[in-house]
Every structure is written in C-alpha cells, then in structure tokens.
C-alpha atoms as a PDB file:
ATOM      1  CA  UNK A   1      -0.899  34.844  13.048  1.00  0.00           C
ATOM      2  CA  UNK A   2       1.020  31.377  13.100  1.00  0.00           C
ATOM      3  CA  UNK A   3       1.707  29.631  16.577  1.00  0.00           C
ATOM      4  CA  UNK A   4       5.406  30.717  15.529  1.00  0.00           C
ATOM      5  CA  UNK A   5       4.855  34.243  15.741  1.00  0.00           C
ATOM      6  CA  UNK A   6       2.641  34.482  18.665  1.00  0.00           C
ATOM      7  CA  UNK A   7       5.587  32.477  20.234  1.00  0.00           C
ATOM      8  CA  UNK A   8       7.809  35.214  18.955  1.00  0.00           C
ATOM      9  CA  UNK A   9       6.032  37.924  20.739  1.00  0.00           C
ATOM     10  CA  UNK A  10       7.320  38.445  24.098  1.00  0.00           C
ATOM     11  CA  UNK A  11       5.730  37.697  27.700  1.00  0.00           C
ATOM     12  CA  UNK A  12       4.700  40.581  30.109  1.00  0.00           C
ATOM     13  CA  UNK A  13       6.517  39.725  33.054  1.00  0.00           C
ATOM     14  CA  UNK A  14       5.543  41.314  36.138  1.00  0.00           C
ATOM     15  CA  UNK A  15       8.232  40.287  38.306  1.00  0.00           C
ATOM     16  CA  UNK A  16      10.635  43.247  38.947  1.00  0.00           C
ATOM     17  CA  UNK A  17      13.510  40.595  39.758  1.00  0.00           C
ATOM     18  CA  UNK A  18      13.161  39.209  36.264  1.00  0.00           C
ATOM     19  CA  UNK A  19      13.067  42.429  34.373  1.00  0.00           C
ATOM     20  CA  UNK A  20      16.404  43.710  36.115  1.00  0.00           C
ATOM     21  CA  UNK A  21      18.260  40.118  35.302  1.00  0.00           C
ATOM     22  CA  UNK A  22      17.118  39.918  31.774  1.00  0.00           C
ATOM     23  CA  UNK A  23      17.931  43.551  31.650  1.00  0.00           C
ATOM     24  CA  UNK A  24      21.087  43.534  32.692  1.00  0.00           C
ATOM     25  CA  UNK A  25      22.228  40.402  30.854  1.00  0.00           C
ATOM     26  CA  UNK A  26      21.685  42.546  27.735  1.00  0.00           C
ATOM     27  CA  UNK A  27      25.425  43.719  28.182  1.00  0.00           C
ATOM     28  CA  UNK A  28      26.489  40.281  28.417  1.00  0.00           C
ATOM     29  CA  UNK A  29      24.823  39.649  24.974  1.00  0.00           C
ATOM     30  CA  UNK A  30      25.849  42.786  23.192  1.00  0.00           C
ATOM     31  CA  UNK A  31      30.114  41.803  24.682  1.00  0.00           C
ATOM     32  CA  UNK A  32      28.580  38.342  23.026  1.00  0.00           C
ATOM     33  CA  UNK A  33      27.400  39.992  19.506  1.00  0.00           C
ATOM     34  CA  UNK A  34      30.035  42.932  19.175  1.00  0.00           C
ATOM     35  CA  UNK A  35      32.979  40.280  19.079  1.00  0.00           C
ATOM     36  CA  UNK A  36      30.949  37.957  16.855  1.00  0.00           C
ATOM     37  CA  UNK A  37      30.527  40.627  14.917  1.00  0.00           C
ATOM     38  CA  UNK A  38      33.981  41.208  14.649  1.00  0.00           C
ATOM     39  CA  UNK A  39      35.280  38.224  13.845  1.00  0.00           C
ATOM     40  CA  UNK A  40      32.819  38.169  10.821  1.00  0.00           C
ATOM     41  CA  UNK A  41      34.602  41.511   9.896  1.00  0.00           C
ATOM     42  CA  UNK A  42      37.250  40.225   9.860  1.00  0.00           C
ATOM     43  CA  UNK A  43      37.252  37.125   8.404  1.00  0.00           C
ATOM     44  CA  UNK A  44      35.341  38.785   5.543  1.00  0.00           C
ATOM     45  CA  UNK A  45      37.889  41.363   5.160  1.00  0.00           C
ATOM     46  CA  UNK A  46      41.021  38.741   4.861  1.00  0.00           C
ATOM     47  CA  UNK A  47      38.890  36.588   2.684  1.00  0.00           C
ATOM     48  CA  UNK A  48      38.635  40.037   0.313  1.00  0.00           C
ATOM     49  CA  UNK A  49      42.286  40.335   0.839  1.00  0.00           C
ATOM     50  CA  UNK A  50      42.887  37.281   0.162  1.00  0.00           C
ATOM     51  CA  UNK A  51      41.308  37.159  -2.873  1.00  0.00           C
ATOM     52  CA  UNK A  52      42.201  40.577  -4.359  1.00  0.00           C
ATOM     53  CA  UNK A  53      46.264  39.549  -3.714  1.00  0.00           C
ATOM     54  CA  UNK A  54      45.997  35.855  -5.321  1.00  0.00           C
ATOM     55  CA  UNK A  55      44.070  37.613  -8.514  1.00  0.00           C
ATOM     56  CA  UNK A  56      46.853  40.585  -8.478  1.00  0.00           C
ATOM     57  CA  UNK A  57      49.143  37.236  -8.185  1.00  0.00           C
ATOM     58  CA  UNK A  58      48.219  35.643 -11.142  1.00  0.00           C
ATOM     59  CA  UNK A  59      47.868  39.051 -13.229  1.00  0.00           C
ATOM     60  CA  UNK A  60      51.093  39.606 -12.451  1.00  0.00           C
ATOM     61  CA  UNK A  61      53.148  36.757 -13.426  1.00  0.00           C
ATOM     62  CA  UNK A  62      50.369  34.462 -15.420  1.00  0.00           C
ATOM     63  CA  UNK A  63      51.180  30.525 -16.124  1.00  0.00           C
ATOM     64  CA  UNK A  64      48.974  28.966 -18.532  1.00  0.00           C
ATOM     65  CA  UNK A  65      49.123  25.599 -17.547  1.00  0.00           C
ATOM     66  CA  UNK A  66      46.116  23.497 -16.136  1.00  0.00           C
ATOM     67  CA  UNK A  67      47.996  22.718 -12.717  1.00  0.00           C
ATOM     68  CA  UNK A  68      48.129  26.696 -11.756  1.00  0.00           C
ATOM     69  CA  UNK A  69      44.779  27.216 -12.867  1.00  0.00           C
ATOM     70  CA  UNK A  70      43.499  24.093 -10.468  1.00  0.00           C
ATOM     71  CA  UNK A  71      45.556  25.586  -7.621  1.00  0.00           C
ATOM     72  CA  UNK A  72      44.087  28.733  -8.286  1.00  0.00           C
ATOM     73  CA  UNK A  73      40.527  27.214  -7.912  1.00  0.00           C
ATOM     74  CA  UNK A  74      41.256  25.999  -4.906  1.00  0.00           C
ATOM     75  CA  UNK A  75      42.515  29.136  -3.391  1.00  0.00           C
ATOM     76  CA  UNK A  76      39.115  30.729  -4.399  1.00  0.00           C
ATOM     77  CA  UNK A  77      37.331  28.030  -3.226  1.00  0.00           C
ATOM     78  CA  UNK A  78      39.049  28.348   0.341  1.00  0.00           C
ATOM     79  CA  UNK A  79      38.095  31.799   0.111  1.00  0.00           C
ATOM     80  CA  UNK A  80      34.838  31.190  -0.281  1.00  0.00           C
ATOM     81  CA  UNK A  81      34.534  28.812   2.482  1.00  0.00           C
ATOM     82  CA  UNK A  82      35.939  31.589   4.876  1.00  0.00           C
ATOM     83  CA  UNK A  83      33.255  33.953   3.360  1.00  0.00           C
ATOM     84  CA  UNK A  84      30.706  31.155   4.293  1.00  0.00           C
ATOM     85  CA  UNK A  85      32.098  30.869   7.991  1.00  0.00           C
ATOM     86  CA  UNK A  86      32.352  34.849   8.053  1.00  0.00           C
ATOM     87  CA  UNK A  87      28.752  34.602   7.660  1.00  0.00           C
ATOM     88  CA  UNK A  88      28.076  31.492   9.917  1.00  0.00           C
ATOM     89  CA  UNK A  89      29.937  34.485  12.558  1.00  0.00           C
ATOM     90  CA  UNK A  90      27.330  36.858  10.759  1.00  0.00           C
ATOM     91  CA  UNK A  91      23.807  35.183  11.046  1.00  0.00           C
ATOM     92  CA  UNK A  92      25.211  34.082  14.971  1.00  0.00           C
ATOM     93  CA  UNK A  93      25.916  37.885  15.845  1.00  0.00           C
ATOM     94  CA  UNK A  94      22.259  39.050  14.254  1.00  0.00           C
ATOM     95  CA  UNK A  95      20.627  35.758  16.151  1.00  0.00           C
ATOM     96  CA  UNK A  96      22.310  36.778  19.382  1.00  0.00           C
ATOM     97  CA  UNK A  97      20.911  40.483  19.020  1.00  0.00           C
ATOM     98  CA  UNK A  98      17.627  39.423  18.170  1.00  0.00           C
ATOM     99  CA  UNK A  99      16.974  37.084  20.783  1.00  0.00           C
ATOM    100  CA  UNK A 100      18.827  38.952  23.417  1.00  0.00           C
ATOM    101  CA  UNK A 101      18.764  42.671  23.273  1.00  0.00           C
ATOM    102  CA  UNK A 102      16.204  44.135  20.271  1.00  0.00           C
ATOM    103  CA  UNK A 103      14.572  42.833  17.342  1.00  0.00           C
ATOM    104  CA  UNK A 104      16.059  44.015  14.701  1.00  0.00           C
ATOM    105  CA  UNK A 105      14.858  45.263  11.152  1.00  0.00           C
ATOM    106  CA  UNK A 106      16.021  41.885   9.260  1.00  0.00           C
ATOM    107  CA  UNK A 107      14.835  40.471   6.245  1.00  0.00           C
ATOM    108  CA  UNK A 108      12.007  38.078   6.542  1.00  0.00           C
ATOM    109  CA  UNK A 109      14.474  34.804   5.739  1.00  0.00           C
ATOM    110  CA  UNK A 110      16.947  35.925   8.503  1.00  0.00           C
ATOM    111  CA  UNK A 111      14.173  36.442  11.245  1.00  0.00           C
ATOM    112  CA  UNK A 112      14.959  34.539  13.968  1.00  0.00           C
ATOM    113  CA  UNK A 113      12.340  33.836  16.991  1.00  0.00           C
ATOM    114  CA  UNK A 114      14.266  31.163  19.019  1.00  0.00           C
ATOM    115  CA  UNK A 115      17.220  29.307  18.909  1.00  0.00           C
ATOM    116  CA  UNK A 116      15.838  26.465  16.877  1.00  0.00           C
ATOM    117  CA  UNK A 117      15.242  29.324  14.097  1.00  0.00           C
ATOM    118  CA  UNK A 118      19.482  29.607  14.843  1.00  0.00           C
ATOM    119  CA  UNK A 119      20.259  26.380  14.617  1.00  0.00           C
ATOM    120  CA  UNK A 120      18.284  25.915  11.300  1.00  0.00           C
ATOM    121  CA  UNK A 121      19.522  28.778   9.465  1.00  0.00           C
ATOM    122  CA  UNK A 122      23.286  28.014  11.036  1.00  0.00           C
ATOM    123  CA  UNK A 123      22.805  24.143   9.832  1.00  0.00           C
ATOM    124  CA  UNK A 124      21.818  25.193   6.294  1.00  0.00           C
ATOM    125  CA  UNK A 125      24.828  27.291   5.837  1.00  0.00           C
ATOM    126  CA  UNK A 126      27.197  24.564   7.493  1.00  0.00           C
ATOM    127  CA  UNK A 127      25.589  22.024   4.602  1.00  0.00           C
ATOM    128  CA  UNK A 128      26.718  24.612   1.985  1.00  0.00           C
ATOM    129  CA  UNK A 129      30.398  24.821   3.817  1.00  0.00           C
ATOM    130  CA  UNK A 130      30.634  20.730   3.679  1.00  0.00           C
ATOM    131  CA  UNK A 131      29.746  20.620  -0.125  1.00  0.00           C
ATOM    132  CA  UNK A 132      32.574  23.646  -0.397  1.00  0.00           C
ATOM    133  CA  UNK A 133      34.971  21.823   1.067  1.00  0.00           C
ATOM    134  CA  UNK A 134      33.882  18.503  -0.637  1.00  0.00           C
ATOM    135  CA  UNK A 135      34.401  20.787  -4.028  1.00  0.00           C
ATOM    136  CA  UNK A 136      37.621  22.026  -2.687  1.00  0.00           C
ATOM    137  CA  UNK A 137      38.819  18.348  -2.020  1.00  0.00           C
ATOM    138  CA  UNK A 138      37.913  16.899  -5.143  1.00  0.00           C
ATOM    139  CA  UNK A 139      39.375  19.343  -7.452  1.00  0.00           C
ATOM    140  CA  UNK A 140      43.061  19.457  -5.926  1.00  0.00           C
ATOM    141  CA  UNK A 141      42.676  15.699  -5.707  1.00  0.00           C
ATOM    142  CA  UNK A 142      46.149  13.975  -6.608  1.00  0.00           C
ATOM    143  CA  UNK A 143      44.633  10.128  -6.346  1.00  0.00           C
ATOM    144  CA  UNK A 144      46.766   9.532  -3.093  1.00  0.00           C
ATOM    145  CA  UNK A 145      44.174   9.936  -0.740  1.00  0.00           C
ATOM    146  CA  UNK A 146      40.870   8.167  -0.215  1.00  0.00           C
ATOM    147  CA  UNK A 147      38.588  11.039  -1.177  1.00  0.00           C
ATOM    148  CA  UNK A 148      35.457   8.270  -1.418  1.00  0.00           C
ATOM    149  CA  UNK A 149      35.857   8.288   2.454  1.00  0.00           C
ATOM    150  CA  UNK A 150      35.705  11.970   2.455  1.00  0.00           C
ATOM    151  CA  UNK A 151      32.635  12.281   0.063  1.00  0.00           C
ATOM    152  CA  UNK A 152      30.803   9.021   2.006  1.00  0.00           C
ATOM    153  CA  UNK A 153      31.538  11.108   5.592  1.00  0.00           C
ATOM    154  CA  UNK A 154      30.573  14.794   4.360  1.00  0.00           C
ATOM    155  CA  UNK A 155      27.707  12.632   2.870  1.00  0.00           C
ATOM    156  CA  UNK A 156      26.205  11.384   5.973  1.00  0.00           C
ATOM    157  CA  UNK A 157      26.837  14.570   7.763  1.00  0.00           C
ATOM    158  CA  UNK A 158      24.980  16.342   5.134  1.00  0.00           C
ATOM    159  CA  UNK A 159      22.344  13.369   5.377  1.00  0.00           C
ATOM    160  CA  UNK A 160      21.605  13.699   9.057  1.00  0.00           C
ATOM    161  CA  UNK A 161      21.559  17.573   9.375  1.00  0.00           C
ATOM    162  CA  UNK A 162      19.077  17.437   6.069  1.00  0.00           C
ATOM    163  CA  UNK A 163      17.118  14.622   8.225  1.00  0.00           C
ATOM    164  CA  UNK A 164      17.074  16.541  11.183  1.00  0.00           C
ATOM    165  CA  UNK A 165      15.846  20.020   9.652  1.00  0.00           C
ATOM    166  CA  UNK A 166      12.785  18.037   7.682  1.00  0.00           C
ATOM    167  CA  UNK A 167      12.185  16.255  10.422  1.00  0.00           C
ATOM    168  CA  UNK A 168      11.473  19.881  12.224  1.00  0.00           C
ATOM    169  CA  UNK A 169       9.336  20.998   9.853  1.00  0.00           C
END
C-alpha cells in the first residue's frame, strides 16, 4: 500500500462530538453535491440541445461557403467548451461526495482521496478548456484582434498549471 493509499483510509475518531459534527456536515455537503450535479446535468443537456438545433439548422438551410463552415465549427467548439465546463462541475460533485459523504465506486483515474486530488483533476480540465478556447479564437480570428497576446497569455497559464502539477508529483 502506498503512502497516498494509506492516507485515504479514514481515521477512527473516538470523540462523539467530532463524529456528530462530521455526521451532520454530510447533509450540507449533500446540498453542494446535488446543486453541483444539477448544474452539470443542465449544462450537458443545454450543450446537447444547442448541438442538435445547430445541426438541424445546418441541414434545413445548407450553405456551402467557407464563412458559414467557420461559424458552424465555432459553435461546435463552444459547445465542446460547455461540455468541458459541465465535466468540471460533474467531477466537483463526485469529488465532494467522495471526500465528505461516502466512498463511491469510481474508476481509478477518478479516485479522489483529498482536496489535492480534486484540484489536480480540475486543473487538467482547465488546461483542456483553455486549449479549446484558443482553438475557437484562432478559428474565428478575423485579423483585427491581437490573437498573439491571447495565445501567449493562454500558454503562460497552461505552463504555470503544468508546472504546479509537475512539482506536486
């Protein structure tokens, strides 16, 4: 058993006061889990509806020009961004449940033993979301805005997050 796995084993608190407080706080965290899960579900459904309506609109009134194709790709990239944000909320809901309510049968890559595990998983998703945002901006760039500054700023944030994750391991 690794040090991290041993750390994930809950300690037995003999104090009845501590057991009462931690048992009562589960209800507060359950509200947070349910609220966060509802946000995730709402965003997933909304992203699906936008995808469906965009596809129907493209089929009903097709236009075969490059500008329309770029607009369609831009919408789909933004929908992917919505799905990534929904995934962040979903992982937060699972993480809060796993940390404060009860252990859940999660796959190994989603096992969350402490807040650092949750932060690392979220930071990985933030990196992906930033890459999607810069892809969308690049795709719809019309030459008027300073896309280089946005790219450099995005790269700096990704490098900082990656450096933090690398140092933690």
